[in-house]
N, C-alpha and C. Protein backbone atom coordinates (compact mmCIF):
# COMPACT_ATOMS: atom_id res chain seq x y z
N UNK A 1 15.36 10.84 -6.10
CA UNK A 1 14.02 10.41 -6.27
C UNK A 1 13.78 9.46 -7.45
N UNK A 2 13.06 8.42 -7.21
CA UNK A 2 12.86 7.42 -8.26
C UNK A 2 11.60 7.86 -8.93
N UNK A 3 11.48 7.09 -10.16
CA UNK A 3 10.34 7.51 -11.01
C UNK A 3 9.05 6.76 -10.50
N UNK A 4 7.85 7.31 -10.98
CA UNK A 4 6.64 6.72 -10.66
C UNK A 4 6.35 5.63 -11.63
N UNK A 5 5.91 4.50 -10.97
CA UNK A 5 5.56 3.19 -11.57
C UNK A 5 4.05 2.96 -11.45
N UNK A 6 3.64 2.10 -12.31
CA UNK A 6 2.16 1.64 -12.33
C UNK A 6 2.06 0.11 -12.08
N UNK A 7 1.17 -0.23 -11.11
CA UNK A 7 1.01 -1.66 -10.97
C UNK A 7 0.14 -2.23 -11.94
N UNK A 8 0.07 -3.58 -12.11
CA UNK A 8 -0.98 -4.13 -12.81
C UNK A 8 -2.26 -4.18 -12.02
N UNK A 9 -3.41 -4.56 -12.75
CA UNK A 9 -4.70 -4.64 -11.98
C UNK A 9 -4.48 -5.66 -10.96
N UNK A 10 -5.10 -5.50 -9.77
CA UNK A 10 -4.98 -6.29 -8.69
C UNK A 10 -6.13 -6.27 -7.72
N UNK A 11 -6.29 -7.12 -6.84
CA UNK A 11 -7.37 -7.24 -5.83
C UNK A 11 -6.87 -6.62 -4.58
N UNK A 12 -7.74 -5.74 -4.08
CA UNK A 12 -7.34 -4.90 -2.80
C UNK A 12 -7.50 -5.89 -1.61
N UNK A 13 -6.56 -5.68 -0.67
CA UNK A 13 -6.63 -6.48 0.54
C UNK A 13 -6.51 -5.44 1.70
N UNK A 14 -7.42 -5.43 2.59
CA UNK A 14 -7.39 -4.41 3.73
C UNK A 14 -7.10 -2.93 3.27
N UNK A 15 -7.99 -2.42 2.42
CA UNK A 15 -7.71 -1.04 2.02
C UNK A 15 -8.08 -0.07 2.95
N UNK A 16 -7.22 0.99 3.23
CA UNK A 16 -7.49 2.24 3.93
C UNK A 16 -7.14 3.31 2.98
N UNK A 17 -7.96 3.67 2.01
CA UNK A 17 -7.63 4.63 1.00
C UNK A 17 -8.53 5.93 1.01
N UNK A 18 -9.78 5.80 1.59
CA UNK A 18 -10.60 7.01 1.60
C UNK A 18 -10.36 7.75 2.99
N UNK A 19 -9.99 7.08 4.03
CA UNK A 19 -9.63 7.67 5.27
C UNK A 19 -8.37 7.03 5.78
N UNK A 20 -7.55 7.84 6.46
CA UNK A 20 -6.31 7.23 6.96
C UNK A 20 -6.53 6.26 8.14
N UNK A 21 -5.77 5.27 8.21
CA UNK A 21 -5.76 4.38 9.37
C UNK A 21 -4.95 4.94 10.51
N UNK A 22 -5.61 5.21 11.68
CA UNK A 22 -4.89 5.81 12.79
C UNK A 22 -4.80 4.86 13.92
N UNK A 23 -5.04 3.57 13.67
CA UNK A 23 -4.94 2.60 14.82
C UNK A 23 -3.54 2.45 15.40
N UNK A 24 -2.55 2.46 14.54
CA UNK A 24 -1.09 2.24 15.14
C UNK A 24 -0.24 3.46 14.91
N UNK A 25 -0.70 4.42 14.14
CA UNK A 25 0.06 5.59 13.90
C UNK A 25 -0.80 6.86 14.03
N UNK A 26 -0.46 7.72 14.91
CA UNK A 26 -1.32 8.87 15.32
C UNK A 26 -1.30 9.81 14.01
N UNK A 27 -0.32 9.89 13.29
CA UNK A 27 -0.26 10.81 12.10
C UNK A 27 -1.17 10.30 10.97
N UNK A 28 -1.52 8.96 11.22
CA UNK A 28 -2.43 8.33 10.07
C UNK A 28 -1.54 7.76 8.93
N UNK A 29 -2.15 6.77 8.32
CA UNK A 29 -1.51 6.18 7.13
C UNK A 29 -2.59 5.65 6.22
N UNK A 30 -2.33 5.98 4.97
CA UNK A 30 -3.24 5.28 3.89
C UNK A 30 -2.42 4.12 3.47
N UNK A 31 -3.02 3.06 3.30
CA UNK A 31 -2.38 1.74 2.88
C UNK A 31 -3.36 0.85 2.28
N UNK A 32 -2.71 -0.07 1.44
CA UNK A 32 -3.55 -1.24 0.84
C UNK A 32 -2.46 -2.27 0.40
N UNK A 33 -2.87 -3.48 0.53
CA UNK A 33 -2.20 -4.53 -0.06
C UNK A 33 -2.86 -4.88 -1.41
N UNK A 34 -2.09 -5.20 -2.42
CA UNK A 34 -2.65 -5.46 -3.73
C UNK A 34 -2.08 -6.82 -4.27
N UNK A 35 -3.06 -7.71 -4.51
CA UNK A 35 -2.78 -8.95 -5.02
C UNK A 35 -2.74 -9.02 -6.45
N UNK A 36 -1.61 -9.29 -7.14
CA UNK A 36 -1.41 -9.15 -8.59
C UNK A 36 -0.93 -10.50 -9.05
N UNK A 37 -1.04 -10.75 -10.35
CA UNK A 37 -0.49 -11.97 -10.94
C UNK A 37 1.00 -11.81 -11.10
N UNK A 38 1.68 -12.82 -10.79
CA UNK A 38 3.23 -12.79 -10.75
C UNK A 38 3.80 -12.42 -12.12
N UNK A 39 3.18 -13.13 -13.18
CA UNK A 39 3.57 -12.72 -14.58
C UNK A 39 3.52 -11.32 -14.95
N UNK A 40 2.52 -10.67 -14.44
CA UNK A 40 2.34 -9.31 -14.83
C UNK A 40 3.22 -8.35 -13.89
N UNK A 41 3.73 -8.89 -12.84
CA UNK A 41 4.51 -8.03 -11.75
C UNK A 41 5.98 -8.12 -11.90
N UNK A 42 6.54 -8.91 -12.86
CA UNK A 42 8.02 -9.13 -12.88
C UNK A 42 8.77 -7.80 -13.05
N UNK A 43 8.26 -6.85 -13.91
CA UNK A 43 8.98 -5.60 -14.09
C UNK A 43 8.98 -4.74 -12.90
N UNK A 44 7.86 -4.80 -12.05
CA UNK A 44 7.87 -3.96 -10.83
C UNK A 44 8.91 -4.59 -9.77
N UNK A 45 8.84 -5.91 -9.71
CA UNK A 45 9.82 -6.61 -8.68
C UNK A 45 11.28 -6.26 -9.12
N UNK A 46 11.59 -6.26 -10.43
CA UNK A 46 12.88 -5.90 -10.84
C UNK A 46 13.23 -4.41 -10.49
N UNK A 47 12.16 -3.51 -10.70
CA UNK A 47 12.33 -2.04 -10.46
C UNK A 47 12.62 -1.86 -8.95
N UNK A 48 11.87 -2.53 -8.18
CA UNK A 48 12.12 -2.45 -6.68
C UNK A 48 13.46 -2.94 -6.32
N UNK A 49 13.83 -4.09 -6.89
CA UNK A 49 15.26 -4.60 -6.68
C UNK A 49 16.27 -3.65 -7.08
N UNK A 50 16.12 -2.95 -8.17
CA UNK A 50 17.07 -1.98 -8.57
C UNK A 50 17.26 -0.73 -7.63
N UNK A 51 16.07 -0.42 -6.95
CA UNK A 51 16.21 0.74 -6.01
C UNK A 51 17.00 0.34 -4.79
N UNK A 52 16.76 -0.96 -4.37
CA UNK A 52 17.45 -1.40 -3.21
C UNK A 52 18.88 -1.62 -3.56
N UNK A 53 19.16 -2.17 -4.73
CA UNK A 53 20.63 -2.32 -5.22
C UNK A 53 21.38 -0.96 -5.18
N UNK A 54 20.75 0.14 -5.53
CA UNK A 54 21.34 1.41 -5.49
C UNK A 54 21.73 1.77 -4.08
N UNK A 55 20.87 1.51 -3.12
CA UNK A 55 21.17 1.78 -1.74
C UNK A 55 22.26 0.90 -1.22
N UNK A 56 22.34 -0.38 -1.64
CA UNK A 56 23.36 -1.33 -1.18
C UNK A 56 24.75 -0.78 -1.70
N UNK A 57 24.77 -0.34 -3.04
CA UNK A 57 25.99 0.20 -3.63
C UNK A 57 26.45 1.39 -2.87
N UNK A 58 25.42 2.33 -2.58
CA UNK A 58 25.84 3.52 -1.79
C UNK A 58 26.45 3.24 -0.44
N UNK A 59 25.88 2.30 0.18
CA UNK A 59 26.36 1.79 1.57
C UNK A 59 27.73 1.21 1.38
N UNK A 60 27.91 0.38 0.42
CA UNK A 60 29.30 -0.27 0.09
C UNK A 60 30.35 0.79 -0.26
N UNK A 61 29.87 1.79 -1.03
CA UNK A 61 30.89 2.85 -1.31
C UNK A 61 31.26 3.64 -0.20
N UNK A 62 30.38 3.84 0.74
CA UNK A 62 30.52 4.58 2.01
C UNK A 62 31.50 3.87 2.93
N UNK A 63 31.22 2.54 3.08
CA UNK A 63 32.02 1.70 4.04
C UNK A 63 32.11 0.30 3.57
N UNK A 64 33.02 -0.01 2.70
CA UNK A 64 33.06 -1.39 2.14
C UNK A 64 33.12 -2.53 3.14
N UNK A 65 33.62 -2.26 4.45
CA UNK A 65 33.76 -3.33 5.37
C UNK A 65 32.60 -3.58 6.15
N UNK A 66 31.62 -2.65 6.18
CA UNK A 66 30.36 -2.81 6.91
C UNK A 66 29.47 -3.86 6.25
N UNK A 67 28.94 -4.71 7.08
CA UNK A 67 27.97 -5.70 6.46
C UNK A 67 26.65 -5.12 6.05
N UNK A 68 26.13 -5.50 4.98
CA UNK A 68 24.93 -4.86 4.48
C UNK A 68 23.73 -5.76 4.95
N UNK A 69 22.83 -5.15 5.68
CA UNK A 69 21.73 -5.85 6.15
C UNK A 69 20.43 -5.38 5.37
N UNK A 70 19.71 -6.29 4.85
CA UNK A 70 18.48 -5.93 4.10
C UNK A 70 17.22 -6.04 4.87
N UNK A 71 16.30 -5.10 4.84
CA UNK A 71 15.00 -5.16 5.50
C UNK A 71 14.06 -5.98 4.69
N UNK A 72 12.96 -6.41 5.21
CA UNK A 72 11.99 -7.12 4.38
C UNK A 72 11.52 -6.31 3.24
N UNK A 73 11.27 -6.94 2.05
CA UNK A 73 10.86 -6.31 0.82
C UNK A 73 9.37 -5.82 1.01
N UNK A 74 8.89 -4.91 0.30
CA UNK A 74 7.47 -4.39 0.28
C UNK A 74 6.49 -5.25 -0.48
N UNK A 75 6.93 -6.53 -0.77
CA UNK A 75 6.00 -7.44 -1.47
C UNK A 75 6.30 -8.83 -1.07
N UNK A 76 5.30 -9.76 -1.26
CA UNK A 76 5.49 -11.20 -0.97
C UNK A 76 5.05 -11.92 -2.16
N UNK A 77 5.90 -12.86 -2.57
CA UNK A 77 5.46 -13.80 -3.68
C UNK A 77 4.93 -15.10 -3.04
N UNK A 78 3.67 -15.39 -3.50
CA UNK A 78 3.03 -16.65 -3.07
C UNK A 78 2.52 -17.33 -4.29
N UNK A 79 3.19 -18.49 -4.57
CA UNK A 79 2.87 -19.23 -5.78
C UNK A 79 2.98 -18.33 -7.08
N UNK A 80 1.73 -18.15 -7.73
CA UNK A 80 1.71 -17.40 -8.97
C UNK A 80 1.12 -15.95 -8.68
N UNK A 81 1.21 -15.48 -7.46
CA UNK A 81 0.66 -14.16 -7.07
C UNK A 81 1.75 -13.38 -6.34
N UNK A 82 1.67 -12.12 -6.45
CA UNK A 82 2.53 -11.20 -5.66
C UNK A 82 1.59 -10.24 -4.86
N UNK A 83 1.91 -10.05 -3.62
CA UNK A 83 1.09 -9.14 -2.86
C UNK A 83 2.00 -7.94 -2.50
N UNK A 84 1.65 -6.83 -3.08
CA UNK A 84 2.37 -5.58 -2.86
C UNK A 84 1.81 -4.81 -1.75
N UNK A 85 2.62 -4.07 -0.93
CA UNK A 85 2.23 -3.34 0.13
C UNK A 85 2.51 -1.86 -0.11
N UNK A 86 1.42 -1.17 -0.36
CA UNK A 86 1.61 0.30 -0.65
C UNK A 86 1.20 1.19 0.56
N UNK A 87 1.96 2.26 0.80
CA UNK A 87 1.70 3.12 2.01
C UNK A 87 1.81 4.61 1.60
N UNK A 88 1.21 5.42 2.50
CA UNK A 88 1.41 6.85 2.32
C UNK A 88 1.02 7.48 3.69
N UNK A 89 2.01 8.11 4.35
CA UNK A 89 1.78 8.88 5.55
C UNK A 89 0.81 9.95 5.36
N UNK A 90 -0.22 10.04 6.18
CA UNK A 90 -1.17 11.05 6.02
C UNK A 90 -0.76 12.48 6.52
N UNK A 91 0.03 12.59 7.48
CA UNK A 91 0.51 13.83 7.98
C UNK A 91 1.83 13.61 8.71
N UNK A 92 2.45 14.84 8.94
CA UNK A 92 3.64 14.70 9.68
C UNK A 92 4.31 16.09 9.56
N UNK A 93 5.68 16.07 9.81
CA UNK A 93 6.48 17.35 9.83
C UNK A 93 7.61 17.07 8.90
N UNK A 94 7.82 18.07 7.95
CA UNK A 94 9.02 17.87 7.01
C UNK A 94 10.34 18.13 7.72
N UNK A 95 11.25 17.29 7.34
CA UNK A 95 12.63 17.44 7.97
C UNK A 95 13.31 18.74 7.44
N UNK A 96 13.04 19.06 6.16
CA UNK A 96 13.76 20.18 5.58
C UNK A 96 13.55 21.50 6.21
N UNK A 97 12.19 21.82 6.53
CA UNK A 97 11.90 23.14 7.06
C UNK A 97 11.04 23.09 8.37
N UNK A 98 10.70 21.88 8.82
CA UNK A 98 9.88 21.65 10.05
C UNK A 98 8.41 22.08 9.90
N UNK A 99 7.96 22.41 8.72
CA UNK A 99 6.51 22.68 8.49
C UNK A 99 5.69 21.43 8.53
N UNK A 100 4.51 21.50 9.00
CA UNK A 100 3.60 20.37 9.01
C UNK A 100 2.92 20.15 7.66
N UNK A 101 2.58 18.81 7.30
CA UNK A 101 2.03 18.56 6.01
C UNK A 101 0.79 17.59 6.18
N UNK A 102 -0.04 17.55 5.29
CA UNK A 102 -1.05 16.52 5.11
C UNK A 102 -1.12 16.13 3.71
N UNK A 103 -1.37 14.91 3.52
CA UNK A 103 -1.38 14.35 2.04
C UNK A 103 -2.41 13.16 2.03
N UNK A 104 -2.93 12.87 0.83
CA UNK A 104 -3.69 11.68 0.67
C UNK A 104 -3.60 11.20 -0.83
N UNK A 105 -3.79 10.02 -1.03
CA UNK A 105 -3.68 9.47 -2.43
C UNK A 105 -4.76 10.02 -3.33
N UNK A 106 -4.43 10.25 -4.58
CA UNK A 106 -5.38 10.69 -5.57
C UNK A 106 -6.26 9.55 -5.97
N UNK A 107 -7.49 9.55 -5.63
CA UNK A 107 -8.49 8.47 -6.06
C UNK A 107 -9.15 8.72 -7.27
N UNK A 108 -9.26 7.88 -8.22
CA UNK A 108 -9.86 7.96 -9.49
C UNK A 108 -10.71 6.76 -9.77
N UNK A 109 -11.82 6.94 -10.47
CA UNK A 109 -12.71 5.96 -10.92
C UNK A 109 -12.07 5.28 -12.18
N UNK A 110 -12.83 4.29 -12.59
CA UNK A 110 -12.18 3.44 -13.87
C UNK A 110 -12.02 4.34 -15.06
N UNK A 111 -12.91 5.40 -15.23
CA UNK A 111 -12.85 6.32 -16.45
C UNK A 111 -11.92 7.51 -16.09
N UNK A 112 -11.15 7.47 -14.95
CA UNK A 112 -10.17 8.47 -14.50
C UNK A 112 -10.78 9.77 -13.98
N UNK A 113 -12.11 9.76 -13.70
CA UNK A 113 -12.71 10.92 -13.12
C UNK A 113 -12.36 10.80 -11.63
N UNK A 114 -12.65 11.94 -10.96
CA UNK A 114 -12.40 12.05 -9.57
C UNK A 114 -13.29 10.96 -8.82
N UNK A 115 -12.71 10.18 -7.85
CA UNK A 115 -13.54 9.21 -7.08
C UNK A 115 -14.46 9.87 -6.13
N UNK A 116 -15.81 9.63 -6.10
CA UNK A 116 -16.75 10.24 -5.16
C UNK A 116 -16.24 10.11 -3.72
N UNK A 117 -16.28 11.19 -2.96
CA UNK A 117 -15.80 11.17 -1.62
C UNK A 117 -16.67 10.39 -0.56
N UNK A 118 -17.99 10.25 -1.06
CA UNK A 118 -18.91 9.52 -0.14
C UNK A 118 -18.93 8.11 -0.35
N UNK A 119 -18.08 7.51 -1.19
CA UNK A 119 -17.86 5.98 -1.44
C UNK A 119 -16.72 5.62 -0.58
N UNK A 120 -16.80 4.27 -0.16
CA UNK A 120 -15.73 3.62 0.47
C UNK A 120 -15.17 2.50 -0.44
N UNK A 121 -13.93 2.23 -0.40
CA UNK A 121 -13.31 1.24 -1.13
C UNK A 121 -13.08 0.09 -0.21
N UNK A 122 -13.65 -1.01 -0.50
CA UNK A 122 -13.50 -2.31 0.36
C UNK A 122 -12.66 -3.34 -0.26
N UNK A 123 -12.32 -4.37 0.51
CA UNK A 123 -11.58 -5.46 0.10
C UNK A 123 -12.18 -6.06 -1.19
N UNK A 124 -11.37 -6.65 -1.96
CA UNK A 124 -11.75 -7.34 -3.28
C UNK A 124 -12.09 -6.36 -4.38
N UNK A 125 -11.97 -5.07 -4.17
CA UNK A 125 -12.11 -4.09 -5.32
C UNK A 125 -10.87 -4.29 -6.20
N UNK A 126 -11.11 -4.09 -7.45
CA UNK A 126 -10.01 -4.26 -8.40
C UNK A 126 -9.41 -2.83 -8.58
N UNK A 127 -8.12 -2.76 -8.36
CA UNK A 127 -7.44 -1.41 -8.41
C UNK A 127 -6.15 -1.46 -9.26
N UNK A 128 -5.75 -0.31 -9.74
CA UNK A 128 -4.41 -0.14 -10.38
C UNK A 128 -3.78 1.00 -9.68
N UNK A 129 -2.61 0.97 -9.32
CA UNK A 129 -2.02 1.98 -8.49
C UNK A 129 -0.71 2.51 -9.01
N UNK A 130 -0.52 3.81 -9.03
CA UNK A 130 0.72 4.41 -9.40
C UNK A 130 1.37 4.74 -8.02
N UNK A 131 2.75 4.49 -8.10
CA UNK A 131 3.46 4.64 -6.84
C UNK A 131 4.87 4.98 -7.05
N UNK A 132 5.68 5.45 -6.02
CA UNK A 132 6.99 5.77 -6.07
C UNK A 132 7.80 4.74 -5.29
N UNK A 133 8.62 3.94 -5.72
CA UNK A 133 9.46 3.09 -4.88
C UNK A 133 10.50 3.86 -4.29
N UNK A 134 10.52 4.01 -2.97
CA UNK A 134 11.45 4.83 -2.20
C UNK A 134 12.34 3.95 -1.38
N UNK A 135 13.64 3.81 -1.84
CA UNK A 135 14.61 3.03 -1.09
C UNK A 135 15.15 3.84 0.02
N UNK A 136 15.54 3.16 1.18
CA UNK A 136 16.04 3.74 2.36
C UNK A 136 17.16 2.91 2.98
N UNK A 137 18.00 3.55 3.85
CA UNK A 137 18.93 2.79 4.55
C UNK A 137 18.85 3.30 6.05
N UNK A 138 18.34 2.44 6.81
CA UNK A 138 18.17 2.75 8.21
C UNK A 138 18.89 1.66 9.14
N UNK A 139 18.90 1.91 10.53
CA UNK A 139 19.62 0.93 11.25
C UNK A 139 19.10 -0.47 11.18
N UNK A 140 17.87 -0.68 10.79
CA UNK A 140 17.29 -2.13 10.65
C UNK A 140 17.79 -2.70 9.30
N UNK A 141 18.22 -1.86 8.46
CA UNK A 141 18.72 -2.44 7.10
C UNK A 141 18.35 -1.51 6.01
N UNK A 142 18.62 -2.03 4.82
CA UNK A 142 18.24 -1.35 3.55
C UNK A 142 17.03 -1.91 3.07
N UNK A 143 15.99 -1.06 2.70
CA UNK A 143 14.68 -1.55 2.26
C UNK A 143 14.12 -0.56 1.28
N UNK A 144 12.89 -0.83 1.00
CA UNK A 144 12.10 -0.05 0.10
C UNK A 144 10.65 0.15 0.47
N UNK A 145 10.12 1.36 0.35
CA UNK A 145 8.73 1.58 0.58
C UNK A 145 8.05 2.03 -0.67
N UNK A 146 6.77 1.43 -0.90
CA UNK A 146 6.08 1.77 -2.14
C UNK A 146 4.99 2.85 -1.76
N UNK A 147 5.37 4.20 -2.07
CA UNK A 147 4.53 5.30 -1.68
C UNK A 147 3.41 5.39 -2.74
N UNK A 148 2.23 5.48 -2.15
CA UNK A 148 1.03 5.64 -2.98
C UNK A 148 1.02 7.03 -3.62
N UNK A 149 0.55 7.07 -4.84
CA UNK A 149 0.37 8.29 -5.60
C UNK A 149 -1.07 8.44 -5.99
N UNK A 150 -1.45 7.58 -6.91
CA UNK A 150 -2.81 7.52 -7.48
C UNK A 150 -3.36 6.14 -7.45
N UNK A 151 -4.61 6.11 -7.18
CA UNK A 151 -5.40 4.79 -7.12
C UNK A 151 -6.45 4.79 -8.14
N UNK A 152 -6.54 3.99 -9.07
CA UNK A 152 -7.60 3.87 -10.06
C UNK A 152 -8.52 2.71 -9.61
N UNK A 153 -9.77 3.00 -9.31
CA UNK A 153 -10.67 2.06 -8.89
C UNK A 153 -11.41 1.46 -10.10
N UNK A 154 -10.97 0.24 -10.60
CA UNK A 154 -11.54 -0.26 -11.79
C UNK A 154 -12.91 -1.02 -11.56
N UNK A 155 -12.91 -1.73 -10.48
CA UNK A 155 -14.14 -2.55 -10.14
C UNK A 155 -14.33 -2.29 -8.62
N UNK A 156 -15.36 -1.46 -8.25
CA UNK A 156 -15.52 -1.04 -6.82
C UNK A 156 -16.40 -2.09 -6.11
N UNK A 157 -15.88 -2.60 -4.91
CA UNK A 157 -16.60 -3.39 -4.00
C UNK A 157 -16.80 -2.55 -2.82
N UNK A 158 -18.09 -2.30 -2.39
CA UNK A 158 -18.41 -1.45 -1.22
C UNK A 158 -19.45 -2.11 -0.51
N UNK A 159 -19.86 -1.59 0.66
CA UNK A 159 -20.97 -2.06 1.52
C UNK A 159 -21.41 -0.95 2.42
N UNK A 160 -21.98 -1.40 3.54
CA UNK A 160 -22.39 -0.44 4.53
C UNK A 160 -21.85 -0.91 5.89
N UNK A 161 -21.72 0.04 6.72
CA UNK A 161 -21.21 -0.32 8.06
C UNK A 161 -22.36 -0.84 8.98
N UNK A 162 -23.60 -0.90 8.51
CA UNK A 162 -24.71 -1.39 9.24
C UNK A 162 -24.58 -2.88 9.33
N UNK A 163 -25.55 -3.50 9.95
CA UNK A 163 -25.58 -4.94 10.19
C UNK A 163 -25.61 -5.68 8.79
N UNK A 164 -24.83 -6.66 8.64
CA UNK A 164 -24.74 -7.44 7.43
C UNK A 164 -25.33 -8.83 7.77
N UNK A 165 -26.17 -8.95 8.67
CA UNK A 165 -26.92 -10.31 8.97
C UNK A 165 -27.96 -10.61 8.00
N UNK A 166 -28.33 -9.80 7.14
CA UNK A 166 -29.47 -10.02 6.20
C UNK A 166 -30.72 -10.36 6.93
N UNK A 167 -31.31 -11.49 6.53
CA UNK A 167 -32.62 -11.88 7.07
C UNK A 167 -32.57 -12.64 8.37
N UNK A 168 -31.41 -12.82 8.92
CA UNK A 168 -31.31 -13.55 10.11
C UNK A 168 -32.03 -12.87 11.35
N UNK A 169 -32.66 -13.59 12.06
CA UNK A 169 -33.43 -13.07 13.25
C UNK A 169 -33.11 -13.88 14.51
N UNK A 170 -33.15 -13.38 15.59
CA UNK A 170 -32.90 -14.08 16.83
C UNK A 170 -33.89 -15.21 17.16
N UNK A 171 -33.36 -16.34 17.45
CA UNK A 171 -34.27 -17.47 17.74
C UNK A 171 -34.43 -17.60 19.36
N UNK A 172 -35.56 -17.95 19.69
CA UNK A 172 -35.89 -18.07 21.13
C UNK A 172 -35.73 -19.56 21.54
N UNK A 173 -34.51 -19.88 21.79
CA UNK A 173 -34.07 -21.27 22.16
C UNK A 173 -33.23 -21.21 23.40
N UNK A 174 -33.31 -22.38 24.05
CA UNK A 174 -32.29 -22.49 25.21
C UNK A 174 -30.94 -22.97 24.72
N UNK A 175 -29.88 -22.49 25.24
CA UNK A 175 -28.56 -22.90 24.99
C UNK A 175 -28.40 -24.35 25.50
N UNK A 176 -27.81 -25.23 24.74
CA UNK A 176 -27.61 -26.68 25.20
C UNK A 176 -26.58 -26.85 26.22
N UNK A 177 -25.87 -25.77 26.55
CA UNK A 177 -24.74 -26.00 27.48
C UNK A 177 -24.84 -25.14 28.65
C-alpha cells in the first residue's frame, strides 16, 4: 500500500463527488478531474512514476523476458497544466472475504469542517485532494489509479438543476426555414 498524497489546489472538471456516477458502472464511481499548475505538480508526477516503476520492477523480477506494457497514466500534461484523474468505486465486493462494501470520499469545506450534504460541487470549484496512488499490473498493462480519500472544497461553485435561461422568454416568430 502506498502512502497518501495531497494535490495542489486545482480547478474541478466534471466532478461527481457528492453522489456516485452510475452512468457506466452499476456499482457507482466517485470521480473528478483536477486541473493544476504543472510547476506545483512535479512531486506528484514523480510519486506516481515511482509507483509504476515498482510494478515494472516486480514484473521484470517475475519474468525478465516478458515485455512490459504500460497503461495510460492517470494524468495528462497540457502546456503548463496537469489534469489529474481521481476515482473511487462507490460499492462492490471485497476479494479477501466476499463481503459487500460501500464507500465515499470525505468531503470537507475550506476550514476543514464537514461539507454540507445538501450542497453540490460543480465544475470550476477550487479543490485540494488527498489520494492514494494505487499501482496495478493487469493484462492491459501496468498502470496507476489515483484513489480519492479526502476532498477539501476551497472555493465552491454551485448552481441549481432548474432552468438556467435567466430572463430569456420565448419569442413569437416564424422560423425562416
